[in-house]
Amino acid sequence: QAQLKESGGGLAQAGGSLRLSCAASGRTFSRMGWFRQAPGKEREFVAAIRWSASYTDYADSVKGRFTISRDHVQNTVYLQMNSLKPEDTAVYYCAGGVTIMRYDYWGQGTQVTVSS
């Protein structure tokens, strides 16, 4: 059974940095992504990476501040978050897609809180 487990969330000050990790087990994924959900809001896309081609994609709100990367050996995806803003506060979820067409597996989420 494939599983995704996030880590690295926590509290940061505005302008600070955090790095999230998503460890995949049970299989590899054609595409992995990060999503986030703030209180009272819908879950939104943050970033994605294709496992084989290193193609990446970002939401406009995080371009230039966040970087997604992957480690094939560790079967892990990272989200480096710099220049954090209070509006980045949310629960961040890792997702994995068997194909690039959809996300089939989700992690349980990790809380990121940015104070002003």
Protein backbone atom coordinates (compact mmCIF):
# COMPACT_ATOMS: atom_id res chain seq x y z
CA GLN A 1 0.00 0.00 0.00
CA ALA A 2 1.49 3.32 -1.06
CA GLN A 3 1.83 5.99 1.59
CA LEU A 4 2.92 9.61 1.75
CA LYS A 5 4.16 11.21 4.92
CA GLU A 6 4.85 14.90 5.30
CA SER A 7 7.21 16.50 7.78
CA GLY A 8 8.91 19.81 8.37
CA GLY A 9 5.99 22.06 9.16
CA GLY A 10 6.00 24.46 12.05
CA LEU A 11 6.07 28.11 13.00
CA ALA A 12 8.06 30.73 11.12
CA GLN A 13 8.22 34.49 11.09
CA ALA A 14 7.35 36.51 8.03
CA GLY A 15 10.36 36.58 5.75
CA GLY A 16 11.64 33.31 7.13
CA SER A 17 12.03 29.87 5.61
CA LEU A 18 10.83 26.32 6.11
CA ARG A 19 11.45 23.11 4.20
CA LEU A 20 8.77 20.49 3.92
CA SER A 21 9.52 16.86 3.10
CA CYS A 22 7.24 14.19 1.71
CA ALA A 23 8.49 10.63 1.99
CA ALA A 24 6.81 8.18 -0.35
CA SER A 25 6.71 4.47 0.32
CA GLY A 26 5.23 1.50 -1.48
CA ARG A 27 5.72 2.86 -5.00
CA THR A 28 7.08 5.70 -7.07
CA PHE A 29 4.84 8.32 -8.63
CA SER A 30 4.86 9.89 -12.08
CA ARG A 31 3.99 13.22 -10.55
CA MET A 32 4.03 14.60 -7.03
CA GLY A 33 2.64 17.83 -5.79
CA TRP A 34 2.04 20.07 -2.82
CA PHE A 35 -1.31 21.58 -1.97
CA ARG A 36 -2.44 23.72 0.94
CA GLN A 37 -5.64 24.54 2.73
CA ALA A 38 -6.10 27.57 4.94
CA PRO A 39 -8.94 27.79 7.50
CA GLY A 40 -12.24 28.48 5.79
CA LYS A 41 -10.75 28.13 2.30
CA GLU A 42 -10.63 25.42 -0.33
CA ARG A 43 -7.55 23.33 -0.90
CA GLU A 44 -5.33 24.95 -3.51
CA PHE A 45 -2.43 23.88 -5.68
CA VAL A 46 1.04 25.03 -4.65
CA ALA A 47 3.65 23.17 -6.72
CA ALA A 48 4.22 19.98 -8.67
CA ILE A 49 7.09 17.99 -10.13
CA ARG A 50 7.18 15.15 -12.62
CA TRP A 51 9.32 12.33 -11.38
CA SER A 52 11.07 11.44 -14.62
CA ALA A 53 11.53 14.76 -16.38
CA SER A 54 11.93 17.17 -13.48
CA TYR A 55 9.23 19.35 -14.98
CA THR A 56 7.95 21.72 -12.33
CA ASP A 57 4.93 23.95 -11.97
CA TYR A 58 4.01 26.57 -9.39
CA ALA A 59 1.04 28.59 -8.32
CA ASP A 60 1.50 32.27 -9.13
CA SER A 61 1.29 33.11 -5.44
CA VAL A 62 4.48 31.17 -4.63
CA LYS A 63 6.58 31.61 -7.79
CA GLY A 64 10.03 32.91 -6.97
CA ARG A 65 9.65 32.03 -3.28
CA PHE A 66 9.02 28.27 -3.19
CA THR A 67 11.05 25.52 -4.86
CA ILE A 68 9.96 21.92 -5.33
CA SER A 69 12.57 19.21 -5.78
CA ARG A 70 12.86 15.46 -5.55
CA ASP A 71 15.34 12.82 -4.47
CA HIS A 72 14.99 9.61 -6.45
CA VAL A 73 17.11 7.57 -4.06
CA GLN A 74 15.13 8.61 -1.00
CA ASN A 75 11.81 8.64 -2.93
CA THR A 76 11.18 11.99 -1.31
CA VAL A 77 9.88 15.33 -2.51
CA TYR A 78 10.79 18.62 -0.87
CA LEU A 79 9.22 22.04 -0.79
CA GLN A 80 11.65 24.81 0.12
CA MET A 81 9.67 27.83 1.22
CA ASN A 82 11.47 31.17 1.44
CA SER A 83 10.27 34.72 2.06
CA LEU A 84 7.27 33.33 3.89
CA LYS A 85 4.20 35.50 4.30
CA PRO A 86 1.35 35.25 6.83
CA GLU A 87 -0.94 34.28 3.95
CA ASP A 88 1.14 31.13 3.47
CA THR A 89 -0.32 29.84 6.74
CA ALA A 90 -2.15 26.61 5.99
CA VAL A 91 -2.06 22.86 6.28
CA TYR A 92 0.21 21.60 3.52
CA TYR A 93 -0.56 18.30 1.84
CA CYS A 94 1.63 16.11 -0.31
CA ALA A 95 0.01 14.24 -3.20
CA GLY A 96 1.18 11.55 -5.58
CA GLY A 97 -0.12 10.56 -8.98
CA VAL A 98 0.40 7.16 -10.58
CA THR A 99 0.05 9.03 -13.87
CA ILE A 100 0.33 12.74 -14.57
CA MET A 101 -3.40 12.95 -15.11
CA ARG A 102 -4.50 12.99 -11.48
CA TYR A 103 -3.41 12.60 -7.87
CA ASP A 104 -4.24 9.21 -6.38
CA TYR A 105 -2.62 9.35 -2.95
CA TRP A 106 -2.56 12.06 -0.29
CA GLY A 107 -0.63 12.58 2.90
CA GLN A 108 -2.24 13.62 6.17
CA GLY A 109 -0.84 17.13 6.05
CA THR A 110 1.54 19.27 8.05
CA GLN A 111 0.73 22.65 9.59
CA VAL A 112 2.67 25.73 8.55
CA THR A 113 2.06 28.92 10.51
CA VAL A 114 3.69 32.22 9.55
CA SER A 115 3.54 35.05 12.05
CA SER A 116 3.75 38.70 11.08
